[in-house]
Amino acid sequence: MEIISTNIPDVLLIKPQVFGDERGFFMESFNSKRWLEATGLERTFVQDNHSRSAHGVVRGLHYQMPQPQGKLVRCLAGEIYDVAVDLRLGSPTFGTWVGAFLSAENHLQLWVPEGFAHGFAVISPSADVFYKTTAYYAPEYEKSLLWNDPELNIKWPALDRPVLSVKDQNAATLKHAECYR
């Protein structure tokens, strides 16, 4: 496993070792011991989630308050543009974001730490996204940050007509969002 730094030191891009030949490929998508050795992060993942979305769907930017989730995200089929936004008040990178293209072909994973909002846009005809979380989903704590907040200025790939849930359409801007202390 190779760890690739991003412009926010706590957000990591993970490149697993992939073994391929004419039959296909094999990769170890997660190994607790190797994760700790490579990242130095002691995390227990408690829940796995899998979503399928059509082209143009934007999911997020989601987070939970007060029960934050760390997320290890990968794209099993198709391609997404995955984004993490730092919502930790007092952090030197508060209000900044990291984006990465994750796809079935590149096998990359994005580590989104606790204290960050997370979301993605589907840029292929469809995409299956799988992610591990460090805390259980708690709908009563779920929050949404507006995906296209001008203050964040996220450089999303061109989307003709983004498809969002009502919750995500009505999400808070950074100026009005609940943030982590």
Protein backbone atom coordinates (compact mmCIF):
# COMPACT_ATOMS: atom_id res chain seq x y z
CA MET A 1 0.00 0.00 0.00
CA GLU A 2 1.28 3.43 -0.94
CA ILE A 3 0.19 6.56 0.92
CA ILE A 4 -0.15 9.68 -1.21
CA SER A 5 -0.23 13.03 0.60
CA THR A 6 -2.83 15.66 -0.19
CA ASN A 7 -2.93 19.41 0.46
CA ILE A 8 -4.65 18.60 3.78
CA PRO A 9 -2.18 16.41 5.73
CA ASP A 10 -4.91 14.41 7.51
CA VAL A 11 -6.65 13.41 4.26
CA LEU A 12 -4.81 10.56 2.56
CA LEU A 13 -5.00 8.95 -0.85
CA ILE A 14 -4.35 5.23 -0.59
CA LYS A 15 -2.96 3.27 -3.52
CA PRO A 16 -3.25 -0.47 -2.85
CA GLN A 17 -0.95 -3.00 -4.47
CA VAL A 18 -2.79 -4.59 -7.40
CA PHE A 19 -1.68 -7.86 -8.97
CA GLY A 20 -3.04 -8.35 -12.47
CA ASP A 21 -2.66 -10.70 -15.39
CA GLU A 22 -4.76 -12.04 -18.28
CA ARG A 23 -7.26 -13.49 -15.77
CA GLY A 24 -8.00 -10.15 -14.11
CA PHE A 25 -6.61 -8.74 -10.89
CA PHE A 26 -6.31 -9.28 -7.14
CA MET A 27 -5.85 -6.65 -4.45
CA GLU A 28 -6.12 -6.50 -0.72
CA SER A 29 -8.56 -3.64 -0.21
CA PHE A 30 -8.02 -3.42 3.55
CA ASN A 31 -5.67 -4.97 6.08
CA SER A 32 -5.76 -3.57 9.61
CA LYS A 33 -2.08 -4.31 10.33
CA ARG A 34 -0.85 -2.78 7.05
CA TRP A 35 -3.19 0.21 7.51
CA LEU A 36 -1.65 0.98 10.92
CA GLU A 37 1.92 0.49 9.62
CA ALA A 38 1.35 2.72 6.57
CA THR A 39 -0.76 5.49 8.12
CA GLY A 40 0.01 5.37 11.83
CA LEU A 41 -3.74 5.68 12.41
CA GLU A 42 -5.41 3.37 14.89
CA ARG A 43 -8.98 3.13 13.69
CA THR A 44 -11.68 0.55 14.11
CA PHE A 45 -14.10 0.38 11.23
CA VAL A 46 -17.61 -0.53 12.39
CA GLN A 47 -19.78 -0.25 9.30
CA ASP A 48 -19.48 -0.81 5.54
CA ASN A 49 -21.72 1.07 3.10
CA HIS A 50 -22.31 0.57 -0.61
CA SER A 51 -24.20 2.93 -2.93
CA ARG A 52 -24.97 2.90 -6.63
CA SER A 53 -25.65 6.18 -8.36
CA ALA A 54 -26.33 7.37 -11.90
CA HIS A 55 -24.29 9.87 -13.92
CA GLY A 56 -24.52 13.40 -12.54
CA VAL A 57 -25.60 12.39 -9.04
CA VAL A 58 -23.95 14.41 -6.29
CA ARG A 59 -24.12 12.86 -2.82
CA GLY A 60 -23.11 15.12 0.01
CA LEU A 61 -21.37 16.89 1.46
CA HIS A 62 -22.36 14.82 4.52
CA TYR A 63 -21.11 14.63 8.08
CA GLN A 64 -22.41 13.71 11.52
CA MET A 65 -22.46 15.97 14.54
CA PRO A 66 -21.68 15.07 17.36
CA GLN A 67 -20.84 11.51 16.27
CA PRO A 68 -18.24 12.07 13.51
CA GLN A 69 -17.36 9.31 11.07
CA GLY A 70 -14.00 8.67 9.50
CA LYS A 71 -14.50 7.15 6.04
CA LEU A 72 -12.29 5.02 3.82
CA VAL A 73 -13.87 5.43 0.37
CA ARG A 74 -13.37 3.55 -2.89
CA CYS A 75 -15.18 3.21 -6.19
CA LEU A 76 -15.94 -0.39 -7.19
CA ALA A 77 -17.49 0.36 -10.60
CA GLY A 78 -17.38 3.53 -12.69
CA GLU A 79 -15.73 6.77 -11.63
CA ILE A 80 -16.43 9.50 -9.10
CA TYR A 81 -14.90 12.76 -8.02
CA ASP A 82 -14.61 12.42 -4.24
CA VAL A 83 -14.33 15.44 -1.93
CA ALA A 84 -13.47 16.01 1.73
CA VAL A 85 -13.95 19.41 3.45
CA ASP A 86 -12.27 20.26 6.76
CA LEU A 87 -14.90 21.38 9.31
CA ARG A 88 -12.62 21.42 12.35
CA LEU A 89 -12.69 24.91 13.86
CA GLY A 90 -9.17 26.01 14.72
CA SER A 91 -7.60 23.70 12.14
CA PRO A 92 -5.08 25.43 9.85
CA THR A 93 -6.99 23.89 6.93
CA PHE A 94 -10.50 24.72 8.16
CA GLY A 95 -12.85 25.34 5.22
CA THR A 96 -10.46 23.90 2.66
CA TRP A 97 -11.11 20.82 0.57
CA VAL A 98 -9.39 17.91 -1.16
CA GLY A 99 -10.72 16.23 -4.28
CA ALA A 100 -9.64 13.02 -6.01
CA PHE A 101 -10.83 10.89 -8.89
CA LEU A 102 -11.59 7.39 -7.65
CA SER A 103 -12.43 4.65 -10.13
CA ALA A 104 -12.67 0.93 -10.62
CA GLU A 105 -9.61 1.25 -12.87
CA ASN A 106 -7.28 3.24 -10.61
CA HIS A 107 -8.26 1.37 -7.37
CA LEU A 108 -7.48 4.48 -5.30
CA GLN A 109 -9.08 5.00 -1.90
CA LEU A 110 -9.57 8.24 -0.01
CA TRP A 111 -9.25 8.45 3.77
CA VAL A 112 -11.65 11.13 5.04
CA PRO A 113 -10.93 11.68 8.75
CA GLU A 114 -13.41 12.47 11.48
CA GLY A 115 -14.24 16.17 11.45
CA PHE A 116 -14.67 16.40 7.68
CA ALA A 117 -17.69 16.63 5.39
CA HIS A 118 -17.64 14.13 2.53
CA GLY A 119 -19.34 13.90 -0.83
CA PHE A 120 -18.89 12.77 -4.40
CA ALA A 121 -20.10 13.37 -7.95
CA VAL A 122 -20.61 10.52 -10.42
CA ILE A 123 -18.84 11.24 -13.70
CA SER A 124 -19.28 7.83 -15.38
CA PRO A 125 -22.66 6.44 -16.59
CA SER A 126 -23.06 4.97 -13.10
CA ALA A 127 -20.84 4.23 -10.11
CA ASP A 128 -20.76 1.87 -7.16
CA VAL A 129 -19.14 3.46 -4.12
CA PHE A 130 -18.07 1.46 -1.08
CA TYR A 131 -16.84 2.94 2.17
CA LYS A 132 -15.91 1.83 5.64
CA THR A 133 -16.81 4.06 8.61
CA THR A 134 -15.36 4.49 12.09
CA ALA A 135 -18.76 5.28 13.66
CA TYR A 136 -22.25 3.99 13.01
CA TYR A 137 -24.67 5.95 10.87
CA ALA A 138 -26.89 8.05 13.13
CA PRO A 139 -29.64 9.82 11.15
CA GLU A 140 -30.42 12.10 14.10
CA TYR A 141 -26.88 13.55 13.84
CA GLU A 142 -26.65 13.80 10.06
CA LYS A 143 -25.75 17.19 8.59
CA SER A 144 -25.22 18.44 5.04
CA LEU A 145 -22.89 21.12 3.75
CA LEU A 146 -23.86 22.75 0.44
CA TRP A 147 -21.89 21.04 -2.32
CA ASN A 148 -21.52 24.21 -4.41
CA ASP A 149 -21.06 26.79 -1.65
CA PRO A 150 -19.17 29.69 -3.33
CA GLU A 151 -17.08 30.15 -0.17
CA LEU A 152 -15.71 26.61 -0.52
CA ASN A 153 -15.14 27.03 -4.27
CA ILE A 154 -14.86 23.28 -4.90
CA LYS A 155 -13.67 22.57 -8.44
CA TRP A 156 -16.20 19.87 -9.32
CA PRO A 157 -15.99 18.26 -12.77
CA ALA A 158 -18.46 19.74 -15.26
CA LEU A 159 -21.94 18.37 -14.61
CA ASP A 160 -24.73 19.36 -17.02
CA ARG A 161 -27.52 18.85 -14.50
CA PRO A 162 -26.42 17.72 -11.05
CA VAL A 163 -28.92 15.39 -9.39
CA LEU A 164 -29.23 15.95 -5.63
CA SER A 165 -31.53 14.85 -2.85
CA VAL A 166 -33.82 17.48 -1.34
CA LYS A 167 -31.68 17.37 1.81
CA ASP A 168 -28.53 18.14 -0.18
CA GLN A 169 -30.25 20.89 -2.19
CA ASN A 170 -31.15 22.60 1.11
CA ALA A 171 -27.81 22.06 2.86
CA ALA A 172 -26.09 24.73 4.93
CA THR A 173 -23.31 26.92 3.63
CA LEU A 174 -20.00 26.89 5.49
CA LYS A 175 -20.95 30.22 7.07
CA HIS A 176 -24.06 28.62 8.63
CA ALA A 177 -22.84 25.05 9.17
CA GLU A 178 -22.31 23.39 12.52
CA CYS A 179 -18.59 22.70 12.82
CA TYR A 180 -16.39 20.56 15.05
CA ARG A 181 -14.66 22.17 18.02
